[in-house]
Amino acid sequence: MKKLNILCGLAACGLILLASAGCSGKKTAANQVKTVEQSMADLRSAMATASPEVQSNFYQGVTYSLRYGKTDVAVATLQQMSGDASLKPDQKQAVDDAIKALQANAGQQNPPAQ
């Protein structure tokens, strides 16, 4: 009987540890900003069903600007796209994620001057 209590206690501790490890991993992933590559891939997928005007803004304003290193122009275009009423919620979320990723990436590339 004593061995059974010990085994049950160990099993309960193991389950608690597994559950707490799973919870902390989810919080970290949710708070993490996607990379520029990830957010652009998600945005490209989301824009496949967008209106032709929004698609044009994406390809001409965002993709073109990023290709030539004009991150500020890309962010400005994305902010303009974010206000478009024709965007679906998942498309708007993809645009917002891309803005966050680009701004975070720009902050890493250009550390503040000292």
C-alpha atoms as a PDB file:
ATOM      1  CA  MET A   1       0.000   0.000   0.000  1.00  0.00           C
ATOM      2  CA  LYS A   2       2.867   2.374   0.832  1.00  0.00           C
ATOM      3  CA  LYS A   3       4.475   1.711  -2.586  1.00  0.00           C
ATOM      4  CA  LEU A   4       1.184   2.467  -4.309  1.00  0.00           C
ATOM      5  CA  ASN A   5       0.921   5.839  -2.540  1.00  0.00           C
ATOM      6  CA  ILE A   6       4.493   6.711  -3.534  1.00  0.00           C
ATOM      7  CA  LEU A   7       3.868   5.748  -7.163  1.00  0.00           C
ATOM      8  CA  CYS A   8       0.645   7.775  -7.271  1.00  0.00           C
ATOM      9  CA  GLY A   9       2.458  10.763  -5.772  1.00  0.00           C
ATOM     10  CA  LEU A  10       5.258  10.520  -8.331  1.00  0.00           C
ATOM     11  CA  ALA A  11       2.770  10.187 -11.175  1.00  0.00           C
ATOM     12  CA  ALA A  12       0.868  13.252  -9.938  1.00  0.00           C
ATOM     13  CA  CYS A  13       4.098  15.271  -9.705  1.00  0.00           C
ATOM     14  CA  GLY A  14       5.040  14.214 -13.230  1.00  0.00           C
ATOM     15  CA  LEU A  15       1.676  15.299 -14.607  1.00  0.00           C
ATOM     16  CA  ILE A  16       1.923  18.650 -12.850  1.00  0.00           C
ATOM     17  CA  LEU A  17       5.392  19.232 -14.291  1.00  0.00           C
ATOM     18  CA  LEU A  18       4.244  18.300 -17.798  1.00  0.00           C
ATOM     19  CA  ALA A  19       1.208  20.537 -17.548  1.00  0.00           C
ATOM     20  CA  SER A  20       3.214  23.510 -16.297  1.00  0.00           C
ATOM     21  CA  ALA A  21       5.836  23.051 -19.014  1.00  0.00           C
ATOM     22  CA  GLY A  22       3.116  22.996 -21.678  1.00  0.00           C
ATOM     23  CA  CYS A  23       1.481  26.157 -20.355  1.00  0.00           C
ATOM     24  CA  SER A  24       4.674  28.173 -20.234  1.00  0.00           C
ATOM     25  CA  GLY A  25       5.546  27.207 -23.810  1.00  0.00           C
ATOM     26  CA  LYS A  26       2.209  28.477 -25.090  1.00  0.00           C
ATOM     27  CA  LYS A  27       2.598  31.837 -23.373  1.00  0.00           C
ATOM     28  CA  THR A  28       6.049  32.316 -24.860  1.00  0.00           C
ATOM     29  CA  ALA A  29       4.906  31.452 -28.375  1.00  0.00           C
ATOM     30  CA  ALA A  30       1.891  33.777 -28.167  1.00  0.00           C
ATOM     31  CA  ASN A  31       3.990  36.724 -26.966  1.00  0.00           C
ATOM     32  CA  GLN A  32       6.757  36.233 -29.505  1.00  0.00           C
ATOM     33  CA  VAL A  33       6.815  38.404 -32.601  1.00  0.00           C
ATOM     34  CA  LYS A  34       7.029  36.418 -35.820  1.00  0.00           C
ATOM     35  CA  THR A  35      10.061  36.800 -38.024  1.00  0.00           C
ATOM     36  CA  VAL A  36       9.755  38.981 -41.103  1.00  0.00           C
ATOM     37  CA  GLU A  37       9.904  35.900 -43.322  1.00  0.00           C
ATOM     38  CA  GLN A  38       7.134  34.137 -41.383  1.00  0.00           C
ATOM     39  CA  SER A  39       4.880  37.176 -41.301  1.00  0.00           C
ATOM     40  CA  MET A  40       5.397  37.898 -45.010  1.00  0.00           C
ATOM     41  CA  ALA A  41       4.564  34.285 -45.901  1.00  0.00           C
ATOM     42  CA  ASP A  42       1.390  34.474 -43.784  1.00  0.00           C
ATOM     43  CA  LEU A  43       0.502  37.829 -45.300  1.00  0.00           C
ATOM     44  CA  ARG A  44       1.077  36.572 -48.840  1.00  0.00           C
ATOM     45  CA  SER A  45      -1.305  33.669 -48.151  1.00  0.00           C
ATOM     46  CA  ALA A  46      -3.905  35.961 -46.603  1.00  0.00           C
ATOM     47  CA  MET A  47      -3.747  38.417 -49.516  1.00  0.00           C
ATOM     48  CA  ALA A  48      -4.577  35.701 -52.056  1.00  0.00           C
ATOM     49  CA  THR A  49      -8.294  36.340 -51.500  1.00  0.00           C
ATOM     50  CA  ALA A  50      -8.097  40.104 -50.960  1.00  0.00           C
ATOM     51  CA  SER A  51      -9.484  42.691 -53.341  1.00  0.00           C
ATOM     52  CA  PRO A  52      -7.352  43.581 -56.385  1.00  0.00           C
ATOM     53  CA  GLU A  53      -6.641  47.021 -54.913  1.00  0.00           C
ATOM     54  CA  VAL A  54      -5.315  45.548 -51.659  1.00  0.00           C
ATOM     55  CA  GLN A  55      -3.259  42.988 -53.568  1.00  0.00           C
ATOM     56  CA  SER A  56      -1.768  45.760 -55.684  1.00  0.00           C
ATOM     57  CA  ASN A  57      -0.849  47.731 -52.558  1.00  0.00           C
ATOM     58  CA  PHE A  58       0.758  44.625 -51.107  1.00  0.00           C
ATOM     59  CA  TYR A  59       2.829  43.700 -54.153  1.00  0.00           C
ATOM     60  CA  GLN A  60       3.677  47.219 -55.331  1.00  0.00           C
ATOM     61  CA  GLY A  61       4.044  48.899 -51.942  1.00  0.00           C
ATOM     62  CA  VAL A  62       5.192  46.239 -49.487  1.00  0.00           C
ATOM     63  CA  THR A  63       7.011  43.563 -51.471  1.00  0.00           C
ATOM     64  CA  TYR A  64       8.748  46.053 -53.750  1.00  0.00           C
ATOM     65  CA  SER A  65       9.817  48.259 -50.835  1.00  0.00           C
ATOM     66  CA  LEU A  66      11.217  45.333 -48.866  1.00  0.00           C
ATOM     67  CA  ARG A  67      13.130  44.097 -51.894  1.00  0.00           C
ATOM     68  CA  TYR A  68      14.953  47.416 -52.053  1.00  0.00           C
ATOM     69  CA  GLY A  69      15.415  47.884 -48.301  1.00  0.00           C
ATOM     70  CA  LYS A  70      12.766  50.555 -47.786  1.00  0.00           C
ATOM     71  CA  THR A  71      11.256  49.150 -44.591  1.00  0.00           C
ATOM     72  CA  ASP A  72       9.692  52.486 -43.617  1.00  0.00           C
ATOM     73  CA  VAL A  73       7.739  52.620 -46.896  1.00  0.00           C
ATOM     74  CA  ALA A  74       6.631  49.007 -46.431  1.00  0.00           C
ATOM     75  CA  VAL A  75       5.388  49.730 -42.892  1.00  0.00           C
ATOM     76  CA  ALA A  76       3.551  52.859 -44.078  1.00  0.00           C
ATOM     77  CA  THR A  77       1.865  50.865 -46.841  1.00  0.00           C
ATOM     78  CA  LEU A  78       0.900  48.119 -44.395  1.00  0.00           C
ATOM     79  CA  GLN A  79      -0.580  50.701 -42.029  1.00  0.00           C
ATOM     80  CA  GLN A  80      -2.618  52.084 -44.913  1.00  0.00           C
ATOM     81  CA  MET A  81      -3.736  48.548 -45.816  1.00  0.00           C
ATOM     82  CA  SER A  82      -4.709  47.881 -42.196  1.00  0.00           C
ATOM     83  CA  GLY A  83      -7.351  50.590 -42.406  1.00  0.00           C
ATOM     84  CA  ASP A  84      -8.983  49.066 -45.493  1.00  0.00           C
ATOM     85  CA  ALA A  85     -12.577  48.095 -44.688  1.00  0.00           C
ATOM     86  CA  SER A  86     -12.576  45.249 -47.217  1.00  0.00           C
ATOM     87  CA  LEU A  87     -10.049  43.202 -45.210  1.00  0.00           C
ATOM     88  CA  LYS A  88     -11.326  40.133 -43.405  1.00  0.00           C
ATOM     89  CA  PRO A  89     -10.297  39.655 -39.748  1.00  0.00           C
ATOM     90  CA  ASP A  90      -7.607  37.082 -40.600  1.00  0.00           C
ATOM     91  CA  GLN A  91      -6.188  39.378 -43.287  1.00  0.00           C
ATOM     92  CA  LYS A  92      -6.140  42.328 -40.894  1.00  0.00           C
ATOM     93  CA  GLN A  93      -4.369  40.164 -38.300  1.00  0.00           C
ATOM     94  CA  ALA A  94      -1.763  39.135 -40.895  1.00  0.00           C
ATOM     95  CA  VAL A  95      -1.177  42.801 -41.763  1.00  0.00           C
ATOM     96  CA  ASP A  96      -0.818  43.722 -38.084  1.00  0.00           C
ATOM     97  CA  ASP A  97       1.612  40.826 -37.500  1.00  0.00           C
ATOM     98  CA  ALA A  98       3.696  41.954 -40.470  1.00  0.00           C
ATOM     99  CA  ILE A  99       3.836  45.523 -39.124  1.00  0.00           C
ATOM    100  CA  LYS A 100       5.023  44.261 -35.729  1.00  0.00           C
ATOM    101  CA  ALA A 101       7.642  41.995 -37.310  1.00  0.00           C
ATOM    102  CA  LEU A 102       9.012  44.751 -39.556  1.00  0.00           C
ATOM    103  CA  GLN A 103       9.148  47.264 -36.712  1.00  0.00           C
ATOM    104  CA  ALA A 104      10.874  44.746 -34.427  1.00  0.00           C
ATOM    105  CA  ASN A 105      13.356  43.882 -37.178  1.00  0.00           C
ATOM    106  CA  ALA A 106      14.063  47.552 -37.876  1.00  0.00           C
ATOM    107  CA  GLY A 107      14.740  48.093 -34.162  1.00  0.00           C
ATOM    108  CA  GLN A 108      17.268  45.246 -34.145  1.00  0.00           C
ATOM    109  CA  GLN A 109      19.079  46.488 -37.229  1.00  0.00           C
ATOM    110  CA  ASN A 110      19.286  50.098 -36.067  1.00  0.00           C
ATOM    111  CA  PRO A 111      20.234  50.154 -32.382  1.00  0.00           C
ATOM    112  CA  PRO A 112      19.858  53.552 -30.712  1.00  0.00           C
ATOM    113  CA  ALA A 113      22.902  55.816 -30.999  1.00  0.00           C
ATOM    114  CA  GLN A 114      24.858  56.410 -27.830  1.00  0.00           C
END
